[in-house]
């Protein structure tokens, strides 16, 4: 493949191939680029394949029922803290603290649920590990809130906390009803 001078300079400058002299006619040619040039991982070559990998991982991420629960908890937390901000600053901080004490453990369960299950395993160990970690995180965060957040509106705190705990049961129920209506 014979290239003009400008395209040869561009190809050489961008490391798309090495300039070599052709044994036949003595003109400069650019060797084809290395197929591993556009890679994000040593074993997974190609930009398109990398995009497919990202899309697969995101679909696995957003397809999880925990994703909808976490998203609903975020929206409910910010909605409740926004409403409480109109009333009082302490109430808004209390609602935000309750939201964080509920969302962080749910994100932990979400992360544990995304781990692949090895063949021959039922996955119960991951469920138990996730729930035990969620319980430990919830108690630790609640203890930290009660120790470090001094002007705390307890009614708003527990009201938001209970609302978010109920959302963990209601969101999957609504999703199941939606799927049943679809079929």
C-alpha atoms as a PDB file:
ATOM      1  CA  UNK A   1       0.000   0.000   0.000  1.00  0.00           C
ATOM      2  CA  UNK A   2       1.575   3.246  -1.138  1.00  0.00           C
ATOM      3  CA  UNK A   3       0.805   6.306   0.920  1.00  0.00           C
ATOM      4  CA  UNK A   4       1.343   9.960   0.283  1.00  0.00           C
ATOM      5  CA  UNK A   5       3.886  11.871   2.326  1.00  0.00           C
ATOM      6  CA  UNK A   6       1.307  13.404   4.655  1.00  0.00           C
ATOM      7  CA  UNK A   7      -0.366  10.076   5.381  1.00  0.00           C
ATOM      8  CA  UNK A   8       3.041   8.451   5.908  1.00  0.00           C
ATOM      9  CA  UNK A   9       3.958  11.112   8.450  1.00  0.00           C
ATOM     10  CA  UNK A  10       0.605  10.677  10.189  1.00  0.00           C
ATOM     11  CA  UNK A  11       0.961   6.901  10.285  1.00  0.00           C
ATOM     12  CA  UNK A  12       4.492   7.116  11.633  1.00  0.00           C
ATOM     13  CA  UNK A  13       3.637   9.843  14.128  1.00  0.00           C
ATOM     14  CA  UNK A  14       0.685   7.910  15.512  1.00  0.00           C
ATOM     15  CA  UNK A  15       2.561   4.589  15.626  1.00  0.00           C
ATOM     16  CA  UNK A  16       0.103   2.839  13.376  1.00  0.00           C
ATOM     17  CA  UNK A  17       2.826   0.928  11.615  1.00  0.00           C
ATOM     18  CA  UNK A  18       6.501   0.960  10.829  1.00  0.00           C
ATOM     19  CA  UNK A  19       7.785   2.610   7.695  1.00  0.00           C
ATOM     20  CA  UNK A  20       9.633   0.098   5.603  1.00  0.00           C
ATOM     21  CA  UNK A  21      11.127   0.206   2.118  1.00  0.00           C
ATOM     22  CA  UNK A  22       9.510  -2.134  -0.295  1.00  0.00           C
ATOM     23  CA  UNK A  23      11.962  -4.605  -1.822  1.00  0.00           C
ATOM     24  CA  UNK A  24      10.081  -4.445  -5.123  1.00  0.00           C
ATOM     25  CA  UNK A  25      10.027  -0.774  -5.982  1.00  0.00           C
ATOM     26  CA  UNK A  26      12.061   0.939  -3.247  1.00  0.00           C
ATOM     27  CA  UNK A  27       9.147   3.111  -2.133  1.00  0.00           C
ATOM     28  CA  UNK A  28       8.238   3.596   1.502  1.00  0.00           C
ATOM     29  CA  UNK A  29       5.315   1.561   2.738  1.00  0.00           C
ATOM     30  CA  UNK A  30       3.579   1.462   6.076  1.00  0.00           C
ATOM     31  CA  UNK A  31       3.218  -1.943   7.642  1.00  0.00           C
ATOM     32  CA  UNK A  32      -0.243  -2.800   8.913  1.00  0.00           C
ATOM     33  CA  UNK A  33      -0.777  -1.863  12.533  1.00  0.00           C
ATOM     34  CA  UNK A  34      -0.462  -4.368  15.310  1.00  0.00           C
ATOM     35  CA  UNK A  35      -3.899  -5.864  16.023  1.00  0.00           C
ATOM     36  CA  UNK A  36      -3.211  -5.516  19.751  1.00  0.00           C
ATOM     37  CA  UNK A  37      -2.647  -1.766  19.431  1.00  0.00           C
ATOM     38  CA  UNK A  38      -6.133  -0.724  20.530  1.00  0.00           C
ATOM     39  CA  UNK A  39      -6.450  -2.703  23.707  1.00  0.00           C
ATOM     40  CA  UNK A  40      -7.603  -2.086  27.220  1.00  0.00           C
ATOM     41  CA  UNK A  41      -6.511  -5.463  28.548  1.00  0.00           C
ATOM     42  CA  UNK A  42      -3.685  -7.762  27.451  1.00  0.00           C
ATOM     43  CA  UNK A  43      -6.044 -10.652  26.694  1.00  0.00           C
ATOM     44  CA  UNK A  44      -9.044  -8.692  25.419  1.00  0.00           C
ATOM     45  CA  UNK A  45      -8.113  -6.823  22.296  1.00  0.00           C
ATOM     46  CA  UNK A  46     -10.087  -4.342  20.281  1.00  0.00           C
ATOM     47  CA  UNK A  47     -12.049  -1.248  21.142  1.00  0.00           C
ATOM     48  CA  UNK A  48     -15.409  -2.725  20.115  1.00  0.00           C
ATOM     49  CA  UNK A  49     -14.879  -5.760  22.290  1.00  0.00           C
ATOM     50  CA  UNK A  50     -14.034  -3.481  25.225  1.00  0.00           C
ATOM     51  CA  UNK A  51     -17.268  -1.580  24.641  1.00  0.00           C
ATOM     52  CA  UNK A  52     -19.184  -4.863  24.643  1.00  0.00           C
ATOM     53  CA  UNK A  53     -17.515  -5.816  27.937  1.00  0.00           C
ATOM     54  CA  UNK A  54     -18.492  -2.500  29.522  1.00  0.00           C
ATOM     55  CA  UNK A  55     -22.063  -2.811  28.234  1.00  0.00           C
ATOM     56  CA  UNK A  56     -22.302  -6.365  29.593  1.00  0.00           C
ATOM     57  CA  UNK A  57     -21.025  -5.328  33.004  1.00  0.00           C
ATOM     58  CA  UNK A  58     -23.384  -2.352  33.147  1.00  0.00           C
ATOM     59  CA  UNK A  59     -26.355  -4.487  32.127  1.00  0.00           C
ATOM     60  CA  UNK A  60     -25.458  -6.952  34.847  1.00  0.00           C
ATOM     61  CA  UNK A  61     -25.176  -4.035  37.262  1.00  0.00           C
ATOM     62  CA  UNK A  62     -28.426  -2.295  36.339  1.00  0.00           C
ATOM     63  CA  UNK A  63     -30.353  -5.536  35.905  1.00  0.00           C
ATOM     64  CA  UNK A  64     -29.945  -6.470  39.557  1.00  0.00           C
ATOM     65  CA  UNK A  65     -32.967  -5.940  41.813  1.00  0.00           C
ATOM     66  CA  UNK A  66     -30.686  -4.306  44.377  1.00  0.00           C
ATOM     67  CA  UNK A  67     -29.918  -1.551  41.861  1.00  0.00           C
ATOM     68  CA  UNK A  68     -33.566  -0.479  41.845  1.00  0.00           C
ATOM     69  CA  UNK A  69     -33.721  -0.635  45.642  1.00  0.00           C
ATOM     70  CA  UNK A  70     -30.591   1.506  46.034  1.00  0.00           C
ATOM     71  CA  UNK A  71     -31.830   4.005  43.443  1.00  0.00           C
ATOM     72  CA  UNK A  72     -35.234   4.255  45.156  1.00  0.00           C
ATOM     73  CA  UNK A  73     -33.547   4.714  48.531  1.00  0.00           C
ATOM     74  CA  UNK A  74     -31.370   7.516  47.159  1.00  0.00           C
ATOM     75  CA  UNK A  75     -34.375   9.331  45.729  1.00  0.00           C
ATOM     76  CA  UNK A  76     -36.435   8.825  48.900  1.00  0.00           C
ATOM     77  CA  UNK A  77     -33.558  10.042  51.072  1.00  0.00           C
ATOM     78  CA  UNK A  78     -33.026  13.224  49.096  1.00  0.00           C
ATOM     79  CA  UNK A  79     -36.765  13.835  48.810  1.00  0.00           C
ATOM     80  CA  UNK A  80     -37.253  13.423  52.585  1.00  0.00           C
ATOM     81  CA  UNK A  81     -34.234  15.559  53.440  1.00  0.00           C
ATOM     82  CA  UNK A  82     -35.422  18.234  50.974  1.00  0.00           C
ATOM     83  CA  UNK A  83     -38.862  18.299  52.618  1.00  0.00           C
ATOM     84  CA  UNK A  84     -37.294  18.430  56.059  1.00  0.00           C
ATOM     85  CA  UNK A  85     -34.967  21.236  54.979  1.00  0.00           C
ATOM     86  CA  UNK A  86     -38.047  23.408  54.511  1.00  0.00           C
ATOM     87  CA  UNK A  87     -39.018  22.684  58.125  1.00  0.00           C
ATOM     88  CA  UNK A  88     -35.690  22.602  59.938  1.00  0.00           C
ATOM     89  CA  UNK A  89     -31.984  22.110  59.243  1.00  0.00           C
ATOM     90  CA  UNK A  90     -31.616  19.550  62.036  1.00  0.00           C
ATOM     91  CA  UNK A  91     -34.489  17.513  60.601  1.00  0.00           C
ATOM     92  CA  UNK A  92     -32.819  17.521  57.169  1.00  0.00           C
ATOM     93  CA  UNK A  93     -29.536  16.323  58.671  1.00  0.00           C
ATOM     94  CA  UNK A  94     -31.428  13.626  60.558  1.00  0.00           C
ATOM     95  CA  UNK A  95     -33.161  12.424  57.390  1.00  0.00           C
ATOM     96  CA  UNK A  96     -29.876  12.388  55.499  1.00  0.00           C
ATOM     97  CA  UNK A  97     -28.191  10.443  58.308  1.00  0.00           C
ATOM     98  CA  UNK A  98     -30.988   7.882  58.287  1.00  0.00           C
ATOM     99  CA  UNK A  99     -30.685   7.562  54.534  1.00  0.00           C
ATOM    100  CA  UNK A 100     -26.963   6.953  54.668  1.00  0.00           C
ATOM    101  CA  UNK A 101     -27.346   4.436  57.489  1.00  0.00           C
ATOM    102  CA  UNK A 102     -29.719   2.485  55.256  1.00  0.00           C
ATOM    103  CA  UNK A 103     -28.141   2.977  51.820  1.00  0.00           C
ATOM    104  CA  UNK A 104     -24.531   2.036  52.670  1.00  0.00           C
ATOM    105  CA  UNK A 105     -25.414  -1.472  53.937  1.00  0.00           C
ATOM    106  CA  UNK A 106     -27.679  -2.029  50.933  1.00  0.00           C
ATOM    107  CA  UNK A 107     -24.790  -1.119  48.620  1.00  0.00           C
ATOM    108  CA  UNK A 108     -22.669  -3.688  50.464  1.00  0.00           C
ATOM    109  CA  UNK A 109     -25.287  -6.395  49.835  1.00  0.00           C
ATOM    110  CA  UNK A 110     -25.471  -5.236  46.224  1.00  0.00           C
ATOM    111  CA  UNK A 111     -21.695  -5.598  45.821  1.00  0.00           C
ATOM    112  CA  UNK A 112     -21.714  -9.065  47.377  1.00  0.00           C
ATOM    113  CA  UNK A 113     -24.599 -10.154  45.139  1.00  0.00           C
ATOM    114  CA  UNK A 114     -22.635  -9.253  41.991  1.00  0.00           C
ATOM    115  CA  UNK A 115     -19.876 -11.739  42.766  1.00  0.00           C
ATOM    116  CA  UNK A 116     -19.912 -14.764  40.472  1.00  0.00           C
ATOM    117  CA  UNK A 117     -21.017 -18.075  41.940  1.00  0.00           C
ATOM    118  CA  UNK A 118     -18.634 -20.957  41.414  1.00  0.00           C
ATOM    119  CA  UNK A 119     -20.038 -24.108  39.800  1.00  0.00           C
ATOM    120  CA  UNK A 120     -21.614 -26.504  42.260  1.00  0.00           C
ATOM    121  CA  UNK A 121     -22.338 -23.769  44.775  1.00  0.00           C
ATOM    122  CA  UNK A 122     -25.862 -22.654  45.679  1.00  0.00           C
ATOM    123  CA  UNK A 123     -24.960 -19.076  46.521  1.00  0.00           C
ATOM    124  CA  UNK A 124     -26.329 -19.263  50.057  1.00  0.00           C
ATOM    125  CA  UNK A 125     -22.917 -18.464  51.499  1.00  0.00           C
ATOM    126  CA  UNK A 126     -22.914 -15.164  49.602  1.00  0.00           C
ATOM    127  CA  UNK A 127     -26.440 -14.356  50.767  1.00  0.00           C
ATOM    128  CA  UNK A 128     -25.503 -15.056  54.383  1.00  0.00           C
ATOM    129  CA  UNK A 129     -22.261 -13.093  54.049  1.00  0.00           C
ATOM    130  CA  UNK A 130     -24.152 -10.157  52.552  1.00  0.00           C
ATOM    131  CA  UNK A 131     -26.867 -10.127  55.202  1.00  0.00           C
ATOM    132  CA  UNK A 132     -24.410 -10.529  58.082  1.00  0.00           C
ATOM    133  CA  UNK A 133     -22.320  -7.685  56.683  1.00  0.00           C
ATOM    134  CA  UNK A 134     -25.427  -5.576  56.237  1.00  0.00           C
ATOM    135  CA  UNK A 135     -26.458  -6.137  59.849  1.00  0.00           C
ATOM    136  CA  UNK A 136     -22.957  -5.267  61.111  1.00  0.00           C
ATOM    137  CA  UNK A 137     -22.742  -2.147  58.930  1.00  0.00           C
ATOM    138  CA  UNK A 138     -26.209  -0.980  59.966  1.00  0.00           C
ATOM    139  CA  UNK A 139     -25.467  -1.303  63.682  1.00  0.00           C
ATOM    140  CA  UNK A 140     -22.072   0.377  63.297  1.00  0.00           C
ATOM    141  CA  UNK A 141     -23.473   3.305  61.297  1.00  0.00           C
ATOM    142  CA  UNK A 142     -26.410   3.738  63.676  1.00  0.00           C
ATOM    143  CA  UNK A 143     -24.004   3.793  66.628  1.00  0.00           C
ATOM    144  CA  UNK A 144     -21.814   6.371  64.881  1.00  0.00           C
ATOM    145  CA  UNK A 145     -24.833   8.558  64.083  1.00  0.00           C
ATOM    146  CA  UNK A 146     -26.032   8.507  67.683  1.00  0.00           C
ATOM    147  CA  UNK A 147     -22.545   9.286  68.996  1.00  0.00           C
ATOM    148  CA  UNK A 148     -21.360  11.924  66.508  1.00  0.00           C
ATOM    149  CA  UNK A 149     -24.519  13.685  65.278  1.00  0.00           C
ATOM    150  CA  UNK A 150     -25.592  15.668  68.312  1.00  0.00           C
ATOM    151  CA  UNK A 151     -28.480  17.845  67.179  1.00  0.00           C
ATOM    152  CA  UNK A 152     -30.558  14.867  65.984  1.00  0.00           C
ATOM    153  CA  UNK A 153     -34.307  14.859  65.429  1.00  0.00           C
ATOM    154  CA  UNK A 154     -35.083  11.288  66.483  1.00  0.00           C
ATOM    155  CA  UNK A 155     -38.631  11.228  65.070  1.00  0.00           C
ATOM    156  CA  UNK A 156     -37.470  12.252  61.596  1.00  0.00           C
ATOM    157  CA  UNK A 157     -34.456   9.947  61.799  1.00  0.00           C
ATOM    158  CA  UNK A 158     -36.456   6.828  62.621  1.00  0.00           C
ATOM    159  CA  UNK A 159     -39.318   7.812  60.316  1.00  0.00           C
ATOM    160  CA  UNK A 160     -36.938   8.032  57.348  1.00  0.00           C
ATOM    161  CA  UNK A 161     -35.082   4.892  58.431  1.00  0.00           C
ATOM    162  CA  UNK A 162     -38.295   2.847  58.649  1.00  0.00           C
ATOM    163  CA  UNK A 163     -39.488   4.224  55.295  1.00  0.00           C
ATOM    164  CA  UNK A 164     -36.255   3.146  53.642  1.00  0.00           C
ATOM    165  CA  UNK A 165     -36.329  -0.281  55.288  1.00  0.00           C
ATOM    166  CA  UNK A 166     -39.875  -0.815  54.020  1.00  0.00           C
ATOM    167  CA  UNK A 167     -38.769   0.212  50.523  1.00  0.00           C
ATOM    168  CA  UNK A 168     -36.460  -2.818  50.468  1.00  0.00           C
ATOM    169  CA  UNK A 169     -39.545  -5.045  50.548  1.00  0.00           C
ATOM    170  CA  UNK A 170     -41.924  -2.900  48.498  1.00  0.00           C
ATOM    171  CA  UNK A 171     -39.675  -2.318  45.458  1.00  0.00           C
ATOM    172  CA  UNK A 172     -39.223  -6.053  44.664  1.00  0.00           C
ATOM    173  CA  UNK A 173     -42.968  -6.605  45.194  1.00  0.00           C
ATOM    174  CA  UNK A 174     -43.844  -3.865  42.721  1.00  0.00           C
ATOM    175  CA  UNK A 175     -41.312  -5.272  40.263  1.00  0.00           C
ATOM    176  CA  UNK A 176     -42.822  -8.752  40.572  1.00  0.00           C
ATOM    177  CA  UNK A 177     -46.329  -7.389  39.999  1.00  0.00           C
ATOM    178  CA  UNK A 178     -45.107  -5.522  36.929  1.00  0.00           C
ATOM    179  CA  UNK A 179     -43.521  -8.674  35.533  1.00  0.00           C
ATOM    180  CA  UNK A 180     -46.670 -10.719  36.231  1.00  0.00           C
ATOM    181  CA  UNK A 181     -48.827  -8.199  34.384  1.00  0.00           C
ATOM    182  CA  UNK A 182     -46.469  -8.309  31.435  1.00  0.00           C
ATOM    183  CA  UNK A 183     -46.854 -12.073  30.882  1.00  0.00           C
END
